[in-house]
Structures are given as C-alpha cells and as structure tokens.
Amino acid sequence: MTDTPALRVAELPQNAPTPFDLSPDAGARAALAGELGLSALRKLRFTGRIVAHGARDWLLEGHLGATVVQPCVVTLDPVTTRIESDVRRLFLAEMPEDHDEAPEVEMPDDDTIEALGAWIDPAAVMAEALALALPLYPRKADADLGEAVFTAPGKMPMRDEDARPFAGLAGLRNTLKQGK
C-alpha cells in the first residue's frame, strides 16, 4: 500500500521514539479507496511515533487526517468528509487473558490493545484506523428520502401517515365526530 515498510520490533530503539510520517501517493490512495469501498480518497496522512512501553511492550501514537468521498445513502451523490482522528495502539508481548483453550473468545474491553508480533506496521494501523473512522451512513445535508407509495392497481395506497400507531384512532375519531 505504501513505500513505508513495517518496522521490525527487534530493531526498534528502547530509549528513543521511532517517528513515522505516511502520506501515500495517488496510486496507493486509490487502492485503499477500492478496498474500503470509497468513491475517492483525496488526502491521507498518518504521523506519529512508536515508543517502548515497559520492558517488552510498544505503544504507537499517531494522528490520522484524511479527506474521503463516499456515495450518499439517500441520493448516491458524492459526499465529502474530512476525518481527523487520534490513533493509539498498545502492542503487548503478553495479552492480559489467553483464551487459547476456551471455546469462545471475548473481545477485550480496551480495543486499542493488540498482540505484539515480530513487526509493527504503521501503514496497516493507518488503514484500520481509517476504516473505523469512516461515516457509516454518509448523507448530503439536503438529501430527503421523501415518501414512497406502493400499492396494487385499483387499491388505496398506504402512506407513511397511515402506518403511524395512532393513525387508525384518528380516523375512528373523525368518523365518530361526523356521525353525531
């Protein structure tokens, strides 16, 4: 995805931070946009550092900035969103509870914790953080779904107002008032 390689944990300095600054080129942004189902990924930058956290663990802290274009969920028109997000991942050499023998695995309460492997890949963290920060239902400010009316030919269509819980009672009330 980017030209920045993953960092080998054994080569990271224990007493100094290891900075990173990722700004993928147009081709890498287009590939990531395709993976995430975006119409476009105009800007993307992920900066931060990796520091030792205790004797065997590592902490990645960074800031993600991106400009994404997604289709509106109502009109399918393009919706541009600016994302600014702080990112934190704690890579632990030993996870708090090992569920290897358990038939079910529970999600940890802290979603910033990951198991430490031989490599830390800031580009992979960037892609994951972007995917998590995307709006689930992008919608243009003036997008209106309107009212959809469906019925069989020759029958009275049911409208949104008719589906409201007290719509039938209102109709009954009006009928009773007319009968007096």
Protein backbone atom coordinates (compact mmCIF):
# COMPACT_ATOMS: atom_id res chain seq x y z
CA MET A 1 0.00 0.00 0.00
CA THR A 2 2.79 2.44 0.84
CA ASP A 3 6.53 2.53 0.42
CA THR A 4 6.98 2.60 4.20
CA PRO A 5 7.87 -0.88 5.35
CA ALA A 6 6.74 -2.47 8.57
CA LEU A 7 9.15 -1.96 11.44
CA ARG A 8 10.91 -4.94 12.95
CA VAL A 9 10.33 -4.89 16.71
CA ALA A 10 13.79 -6.29 17.48
CA GLU A 11 15.37 -3.27 15.75
CA LEU A 12 13.32 -0.55 17.48
CA PRO A 13 15.31 1.52 19.99
CA GLN A 14 14.21 1.05 23.61
CA ASN A 15 15.24 4.52 24.78
CA ALA A 16 14.10 6.77 21.91
CA PRO A 17 10.86 7.16 19.95
CA THR A 18 10.70 5.96 16.36
CA PRO A 19 8.77 8.56 14.35
CA PHE A 20 6.77 7.83 11.20
CA ASP A 21 5.06 10.04 8.64
CA LEU A 22 2.97 8.30 5.99
CA SER A 23 1.49 10.17 3.03
CA PRO A 24 0.52 7.57 0.42
CA ASP A 25 0.72 8.59 -3.24
CA ALA A 26 -2.30 8.72 -5.56
CA GLY A 27 -1.97 5.07 -6.60
CA ALA A 28 -1.81 3.81 -3.02
CA ARG A 29 -4.76 6.04 -2.03
CA ALA A 30 -6.80 4.71 -4.96
CA ALA A 31 -6.02 1.11 -3.96
CA LEU A 32 -7.04 1.78 -0.35
CA ALA A 33 -10.19 3.58 -1.51
CA GLY A 34 -11.09 0.48 -3.53
CA GLU A 35 -10.54 -1.79 -0.52
CA LEU A 36 -12.74 0.38 1.68
CA GLY A 37 -15.48 0.95 -0.91
CA LEU A 38 -14.86 4.68 -1.17
CA SER A 39 -15.53 6.75 -4.27
CA ALA A 40 -12.23 8.58 -3.67
CA LEU A 41 -9.56 9.15 -1.06
CA ARG A 42 -8.31 12.65 -1.79
CA LYS A 43 -5.88 13.18 1.07
CA LEU A 44 -4.36 10.81 3.59
CA ARG A 45 -1.65 11.39 6.15
CA PHE A 46 -0.70 9.42 9.24
CA THR A 47 2.00 10.77 11.54
CA GLY A 48 3.16 9.60 14.92
CA ARG A 49 5.71 7.64 16.85
CA ILE A 50 6.38 4.24 18.34
CA VAL A 51 7.87 4.13 21.83
CA ALA A 52 8.80 1.40 24.27
CA HIS A 53 6.13 0.82 26.89
CA GLY A 54 7.68 -1.08 29.75
CA ALA A 55 10.22 -3.82 29.18
CA ARG A 56 8.54 -5.76 26.34
CA ASP A 57 5.57 -3.76 25.05
CA TRP A 58 5.31 -0.98 22.46
CA LEU A 59 2.99 1.99 22.11
CA LEU A 60 2.03 3.51 18.76
CA GLU A 61 0.53 7.00 18.97
CA GLY A 62 -0.41 8.98 15.91
CA HIS A 63 -2.78 11.33 14.16
CA LEU A 64 -4.77 10.41 11.07
CA GLY A 65 -6.00 13.04 8.64
CA ALA A 66 -8.00 12.13 5.54
CA THR A 67 -10.49 13.52 3.04
CA VAL A 68 -12.84 10.81 1.79
CA VAL A 69 -15.63 10.76 -0.78
CA GLN A 70 -18.48 8.28 -0.34
CA PRO A 71 -21.86 7.90 -2.03
CA CYS A 72 -24.82 9.41 -0.14
CA VAL A 73 -27.06 6.67 1.30
CA VAL A 74 -30.15 8.50 0.02
CA THR A 75 -29.22 10.00 -3.35
CA LEU A 76 -25.91 8.25 -4.21
CA ASP A 77 -24.44 11.72 -4.84
CA PRO A 78 -20.83 12.13 -3.65
CA VAL A 79 -20.41 13.18 -0.01
CA THR A 80 -17.02 14.57 1.03
CA THR A 81 -15.97 14.09 4.67
CA ARG A 82 -12.87 15.32 6.48
CA ILE A 83 -11.57 12.90 9.10
CA GLU A 84 -9.23 13.95 11.90
CA SER A 85 -8.58 11.19 14.41
CA ASP A 86 -6.03 10.40 17.08
CA VAL A 87 -4.85 6.80 17.00
CA ARG A 88 -3.41 4.74 19.84
CA ARG A 89 -2.36 1.08 19.76
CA LEU A 90 -0.63 -0.74 22.58
CA PHE A 91 1.21 -3.82 21.35
CA LEU A 92 1.53 -6.28 24.24
CA ALA A 93 4.04 -9.12 24.36
CA GLU A 94 1.62 -10.99 26.60
CA MET A 95 -2.10 -10.43 26.32
CA PRO A 96 -3.99 -9.98 29.61
CA GLU A 97 -6.02 -13.20 29.31
CA ASP A 98 -5.11 -16.03 27.00
CA HIS A 99 -8.23 -17.77 25.67
CA ASP A 100 -6.48 -20.46 23.59
CA GLU A 101 -8.23 -23.27 25.46
CA ALA A 102 -11.60 -21.55 25.76
CA PRO A 103 -14.27 -22.45 23.18
CA GLU A 104 -15.40 -18.81 22.95
CA VAL A 105 -13.23 -15.72 22.68
CA GLU A 106 -14.45 -12.47 24.16
CA MET A 107 -13.45 -9.09 22.77
CA PRO A 108 -11.24 -7.18 25.19
CA ASP A 109 -12.74 -4.07 26.79
CA ASP A 110 -9.84 -1.99 25.50
CA ASP A 111 -9.88 -2.03 21.69
CA THR A 112 -6.51 -0.27 21.47
CA ILE A 113 -4.65 -3.39 22.67
CA GLU A 114 -3.10 -5.76 20.14
CA ALA A 115 -0.81 -8.76 20.41
CA LEU A 116 2.82 -7.95 19.69
CA GLY A 117 4.33 -9.82 16.79
CA ALA A 118 7.74 -9.56 15.16
CA TRP A 119 6.68 -6.46 13.17
CA ILE A 120 4.69 -3.26 13.74
CA ASP A 121 3.20 -1.91 10.53
CA PRO A 122 2.11 1.76 10.76
CA ALA A 123 0.54 1.50 7.27
CA ALA A 124 -1.73 -1.33 8.42
CA VAL A 125 -2.69 0.64 11.54
CA MET A 126 -3.42 3.64 9.30
CA ALA A 127 -5.74 1.60 7.04
CA GLU A 128 -7.55 0.09 10.03
CA ALA A 129 -7.95 3.47 11.75
CA LEU A 130 -9.32 5.00 8.55
CA ALA A 131 -11.81 2.16 8.11
CA LEU A 132 -13.02 2.61 11.70
CA ALA A 133 -13.33 6.41 11.35
CA LEU A 134 -15.42 6.38 8.15
CA PRO A 135 -19.03 7.57 8.43
CA LEU A 136 -21.31 4.53 8.31
CA TYR A 137 -24.16 6.33 6.57
CA PRO A 138 -22.85 9.38 4.70
CA ARG A 139 -25.66 11.71 3.78
CA LYS A 140 -25.81 15.03 1.95
CA ALA A 141 -27.14 17.85 4.09
CA ASP A 142 -30.13 18.48 1.79
CA ALA A 143 -30.89 14.82 0.98
CA ASP A 144 -34.51 13.89 1.62
CA LEU A 145 -35.85 10.41 1.19
CA GLY A 146 -39.38 11.68 0.60
CA GLU A 147 -42.39 9.42 0.75
CA ALA A 148 -42.58 6.17 -1.16
CA VAL A 149 -46.07 4.95 -2.02
CA PHE A 150 -46.58 1.37 -3.17
CA THR A 151 -49.88 -0.41 -3.81
CA ALA A 152 -51.61 -2.85 -6.09
CA PRO A 153 -53.55 -1.37 -9.02
CA GLY A 154 -57.04 -0.21 -8.06
CA LYS A 155 -56.39 -0.12 -4.30
CA MET A 156 -55.95 2.83 -1.98
CA PRO A 157 -52.20 3.37 -1.33
CA MET A 158 -50.92 3.21 2.22
CA ARG A 159 -48.93 6.30 3.10
CA ASP A 160 -46.40 6.89 5.88
CA GLU A 161 -49.09 8.72 7.88
CA ASP A 162 -51.30 5.61 7.77
CA ALA A 163 -48.57 3.47 9.31
CA ARG A 164 -48.30 5.62 12.43
CA PRO A 165 -49.59 3.89 15.59
CA PHE A 166 -52.48 6.26 16.24
CA ALA A 167 -53.46 6.92 12.61
CA GLY A 168 -56.32 4.41 12.87
CA LEU A 169 -57.60 6.02 16.07
CA ALA A 170 -57.57 9.45 14.43
CA GLY A 171 -59.65 8.06 11.57
CA LEU A 172 -62.08 6.48 14.03
CA ARG A 173 -62.36 9.76 15.96
CA ASN A 174 -63.15 11.65 12.75
CA THR A 175 -65.80 9.08 11.81
CA LEU A 176 -67.43 9.34 15.24
CA LYS A 177 -67.47 13.14 15.05
CA GLN A 178 -69.16 13.01 11.65
CA GLY A 179 -71.79 10.59 12.94
CA LYS A 180 -73.04 12.98 15.66
